[in-house]
Amino acid sequence: MRNDWRNNQLPPPEGSEDQPDGFISIAIVAFVIVAPLIYFRPELGAVEVWMIDAYHAVDGWVAPIRGLFFADGRI
């Protein structure tokens, strides 16, 4: 009886065990976010250093152009 709503595309009756549980969805999302952070923890430091180095490289390239538009080279 409780599984009939799936065939008729009606919502499950109140108090039914067939209703989706919100906790499961939150737990899955948390696992998807946290699991890679735990698994790839050693590599995340290297990625962060690479991103900072890339920022400094781009900043070094843009500094002369920025100096042309702004007197002190700052925004």
N, C-alpha and C. Protein backbone atom coordinates (compact mmCIF):
# COMPACT_ATOMS: atom_id res chain seq x y z
N MET A 1 0.82 -1.19 0.00
CA MET A 1 0.00 0.00 0.00
C MET A 1 0.87 1.26 0.00
N ARG A 2 1.91 1.25 0.82
CA ARG A 2 2.74 2.45 0.90
C ARG A 2 3.56 2.65 -0.36
N ASN A 3 3.85 1.59 -1.10
CA ASN A 3 4.63 1.72 -2.32
C ASN A 3 3.79 2.11 -3.52
N ASP A 4 2.45 2.16 -3.37
CA ASP A 4 1.58 2.51 -4.49
C ASP A 4 1.80 3.94 -4.94
N TRP A 5 2.23 4.83 -4.07
CA TRP A 5 2.41 6.23 -4.46
C TRP A 5 3.49 6.38 -5.50
N ARG A 6 4.44 5.47 -5.55
CA ARG A 6 5.51 5.56 -6.55
C ARG A 6 4.96 5.34 -7.96
N ASN A 7 4.02 4.43 -8.09
CA ASN A 7 3.45 4.15 -9.40
C ASN A 7 2.50 5.26 -9.84
N ASN A 8 1.80 5.87 -8.92
CA ASN A 8 0.82 6.91 -9.25
C ASN A 8 1.42 8.31 -9.19
N GLN A 9 2.69 8.43 -8.81
CA GLN A 9 3.38 9.71 -8.69
C GLN A 9 2.69 10.64 -7.70
N LEU A 10 2.11 10.09 -6.66
CA LEU A 10 1.53 10.88 -5.59
C LEU A 10 2.51 10.91 -4.43
N PRO A 11 2.47 11.94 -3.63
CA PRO A 11 3.38 11.96 -2.49
C PRO A 11 3.05 10.86 -1.49
N PRO A 12 4.00 10.41 -0.72
CA PRO A 12 3.72 9.35 0.25
C PRO A 12 2.82 9.87 1.36
N PRO A 13 2.03 9.00 1.93
CA PRO A 13 1.14 9.43 3.03
C PRO A 13 1.96 9.87 4.23
N GLU A 14 1.36 10.73 5.05
CA GLU A 14 2.03 11.24 6.25
C GLU A 14 2.36 10.08 7.19
N GLY A 15 3.51 10.15 7.80
CA GLY A 15 3.91 9.11 8.73
C GLY A 15 4.40 7.85 8.05
N SER A 16 4.58 7.90 6.75
CA SER A 16 5.02 6.73 6.02
C SER A 16 6.53 6.59 6.13
N GLU A 17 6.99 5.38 6.14
CA GLU A 17 8.42 5.12 6.17
C GLU A 17 9.05 5.31 4.80
N ASP A 18 8.24 5.49 3.76
CA ASP A 18 8.75 5.66 2.41
C ASP A 18 9.17 7.11 2.13
N GLN A 19 8.88 8.02 3.03
CA GLN A 19 9.25 9.42 2.79
C GLN A 19 10.76 9.56 2.85
N PRO A 20 11.32 10.38 1.98
CA PRO A 20 12.76 10.58 2.03
C PRO A 20 13.16 11.30 3.31
N ASP A 21 14.28 10.91 3.85
CA ASP A 21 14.77 11.48 5.09
C ASP A 21 15.75 12.61 4.76
N GLY A 22 15.54 13.78 5.33
CA GLY A 22 16.41 14.92 5.05
C GLY A 22 17.81 14.73 5.58
N PHE A 23 17.97 13.98 6.65
CA PHE A 23 19.29 13.77 7.23
C PHE A 23 20.20 13.03 6.26
N ILE A 24 19.66 12.08 5.54
CA ILE A 24 20.47 11.31 4.60
C ILE A 24 21.04 12.23 3.52
N SER A 25 20.25 13.15 3.02
CA SER A 25 20.72 14.08 2.00
C SER A 25 21.84 14.97 2.53
N ILE A 26 21.66 15.47 3.75
CA ILE A 26 22.69 16.31 4.35
C ILE A 26 23.96 15.51 4.60
N ALA A 27 23.82 14.27 5.05
CA ALA A 27 24.98 13.43 5.30
C ALA A 27 25.74 13.13 4.01
N ILE A 28 25.04 12.89 2.93
CA ILE A 28 25.69 12.62 1.65
C ILE A 28 26.44 13.85 1.16
N VAL A 29 25.82 15.02 1.26
CA VAL A 29 26.48 16.25 0.83
C VAL A 29 27.71 16.51 1.69
N ALA A 30 27.61 16.33 2.98
CA ALA A 30 28.76 16.52 3.88
C ALA A 30 29.88 15.55 3.54
N PHE A 31 29.53 14.30 3.25
CA PHE A 31 30.54 13.31 2.89
C PHE A 31 31.23 13.67 1.59
N VAL A 32 30.46 14.14 0.62
CA VAL A 32 31.04 14.51 -0.69
C VAL A 32 32.00 15.69 -0.54
N ILE A 33 31.73 16.59 0.40
CA ILE A 33 32.60 17.75 0.59
C ILE A 33 33.81 17.40 1.46
N VAL A 34 33.60 16.66 2.54
CA VAL A 34 34.66 16.41 3.51
C VAL A 34 35.59 15.28 3.08
N ALA A 35 35.09 14.26 2.43
CA ALA A 35 35.92 13.11 2.08
C ALA A 35 37.12 13.49 1.21
N PRO A 36 36.96 14.28 0.14
CA PRO A 36 38.15 14.65 -0.64
C PRO A 36 39.13 15.50 0.17
N LEU A 37 38.63 16.33 1.08
CA LEU A 37 39.53 17.13 1.90
C LEU A 37 40.39 16.26 2.80
N ILE A 38 39.82 15.18 3.31
CA ILE A 38 40.59 14.26 4.14
C ILE A 38 41.54 13.43 3.29
N TYR A 39 41.05 12.93 2.18
CA TYR A 39 41.85 12.03 1.35
C TYR A 39 43.02 12.76 0.68
N PHE A 40 42.77 13.97 0.18
CA PHE A 40 43.79 14.70 -0.55
C PHE A 40 44.50 15.75 0.32
N ARG A 41 44.47 15.60 1.64
CA ARG A 41 45.04 16.59 2.54
C ARG A 41 46.49 16.94 2.22
N PRO A 42 47.38 15.98 1.98
CA PRO A 42 48.77 16.37 1.69
C PRO A 42 48.91 17.17 0.40
N GLU A 43 48.11 16.86 -0.60
CA GLU A 43 48.21 17.55 -1.87
C GLU A 43 47.58 18.93 -1.85
N LEU A 44 46.67 19.17 -0.92
CA LEU A 44 46.00 20.47 -0.87
C LEU A 44 46.98 21.59 -0.55
N GLY A 45 47.98 21.32 0.26
CA GLY A 45 48.99 22.32 0.56
C GLY A 45 49.78 22.69 -0.68
N ALA A 46 50.11 21.69 -1.51
CA ALA A 46 50.84 21.95 -2.74
C ALA A 46 49.99 22.75 -3.71
N VAL A 47 48.71 22.47 -3.79
CA VAL A 47 47.81 23.21 -4.67
C VAL A 47 47.70 24.65 -4.20
N GLU A 48 47.62 24.84 -2.89
CA GLU A 48 47.52 26.20 -2.36
C GLU A 48 48.79 27.00 -2.67
N VAL A 49 49.95 26.39 -2.51
CA VAL A 49 51.21 27.08 -2.82
C VAL A 49 51.27 27.40 -4.31
N TRP A 50 50.80 26.48 -5.17
CA TRP A 50 50.81 26.73 -6.60
C TRP A 50 49.90 27.91 -6.95
N MET A 51 48.74 27.99 -6.30
CA MET A 51 47.82 29.09 -6.58
C MET A 51 48.41 30.43 -6.12
N ILE A 52 49.08 30.44 -4.98
CA ILE A 52 49.70 31.67 -4.50
C ILE A 52 50.84 32.09 -5.42
N ASP A 53 51.64 31.13 -5.88
CA ASP A 53 52.71 31.45 -6.82
C ASP A 53 52.16 32.00 -8.13
N ALA A 54 51.06 31.43 -8.61
CA ALA A 54 50.44 31.93 -9.84
C ALA A 54 49.93 33.35 -9.63
N TYR A 55 49.35 33.63 -8.48
CA TYR A 55 48.87 34.98 -8.18
C TYR A 55 50.03 35.97 -8.19
N HIS A 56 51.14 35.61 -7.56
CA HIS A 56 52.29 36.51 -7.52
C HIS A 56 52.87 36.73 -8.92
N ALA A 57 52.87 35.69 -9.74
CA ALA A 57 53.37 35.84 -11.11
C ALA A 57 52.49 36.81 -11.90
N VAL A 58 51.17 36.63 -11.81
CA VAL A 58 50.26 37.53 -12.53
C VAL A 58 50.37 38.94 -11.98
N ASP A 59 50.50 39.07 -10.67
CA ASP A 59 50.65 40.38 -10.06
C ASP A 59 51.93 41.06 -10.55
N GLY A 60 52.98 40.29 -10.71
CA GLY A 60 54.24 40.85 -11.23
C GLY A 60 54.10 41.32 -12.67
N TRP A 61 53.32 40.61 -13.47
CA TRP A 61 53.11 41.01 -14.87
C TRP A 61 52.24 42.25 -14.97
N VAL A 62 51.27 42.37 -14.09
CA VAL A 62 50.30 43.46 -14.15
C VAL A 62 50.84 44.73 -13.49
N ALA A 63 51.83 44.61 -12.61
CA ALA A 63 52.33 45.76 -11.86
C ALA A 63 52.78 46.92 -12.76
N PRO A 64 53.55 46.68 -13.83
CA PRO A 64 53.93 47.81 -14.68
C PRO A 64 52.74 48.48 -15.37
N ILE A 65 51.78 47.69 -15.78
CA ILE A 65 50.60 48.25 -16.44
C ILE A 65 49.78 49.04 -15.42
N ARG A 66 49.66 48.52 -14.23
CA ARG A 66 48.93 49.20 -13.17
C ARG A 66 49.63 50.51 -12.81
N GLY A 67 50.96 50.53 -12.87
CA GLY A 67 51.71 51.75 -12.58
C GLY A 67 51.44 52.85 -13.58
N LEU A 68 51.09 52.50 -14.81
CA LEU A 68 50.77 53.51 -15.82
C LEU A 68 49.45 54.22 -15.51
N PHE A 69 48.49 53.49 -14.96
CA PHE A 69 47.17 54.05 -14.72
C PHE A 69 47.03 54.68 -13.34
N PHE A 70 47.79 54.20 -12.38
CA PHE A 70 47.70 54.72 -11.02
C PHE A 70 49.08 55.21 -10.62
N ALA A 71 49.12 56.38 -10.01
CA ALA A 71 50.39 57.04 -9.70
C ALA A 71 51.26 56.21 -8.75
N ASP A 72 50.68 55.61 -7.74
CA ASP A 72 51.48 54.86 -6.78
C ASP A 72 51.45 53.35 -7.03
N GLY A 73 50.77 52.89 -8.06
CA GLY A 73 50.72 51.48 -8.39
C GLY A 73 49.70 50.70 -7.57
N ARG A 74 48.86 51.39 -6.84
CA ARG A 74 47.84 50.72 -6.03
C ARG A 74 46.46 51.10 -6.52
N ILE A 75 45.53 50.24 -6.21
CA ILE A 75 44.14 50.53 -6.62
C ILE A 75 43.45 51.34 -5.56
